[in-house]
Amino acid sequence: MRRSVTVLFFFAAAVFFAGCSKSKTIDLSYESYSDLAPGYEWAVVKVPYVAFRSGCGYSDTITGHARNGDIFLVKGSRFAEIPVEADENTSKKKTVASSEKILWYEFDKGWLDQNSVTIYDTKLKAQSAAEKIVSN
């Protein structure tokens, strides 16, 4: 009995010290912190191809392009009413009802509408979603 307790003790000690022998470095660089930092939002493009706009409208100038699975840091957002094409009976443009405003997100390259992107609260979640989108 005493021998089995001694063997068990040495085995447990060996397992404990083997697990603690490797020193792991923790990366606290700015880049890794910003991947998890609260207050940032990350967008993943969910359509095959989308054009960034200079403002919150489909008639605004195209400032860049993105593809399905691209990840961008959200700089801001706002709702905007989007003009609808004039019908053939009138030359006036009608606007979408106020309940149908479109949410637009601002990025370094320009603006994208809510239908083009999915928003995540961390970059790691966005990267995981983008990998799933690209692999499909």
Foldseek 3Di string as FASTA:
>chain_A
DVVVVVVVVVVVVVVVCVVVVDDDDDDPDPVVCQQQPFPKKKKFFQAAKDFAFADPEPPGDTQGMDGGLDMFIFPDKDWDWYWDQDDPVDNDIDIDPPVPTWMWTATPRHIDTPVGIDMDRGNVVSNVVSVVRVVD
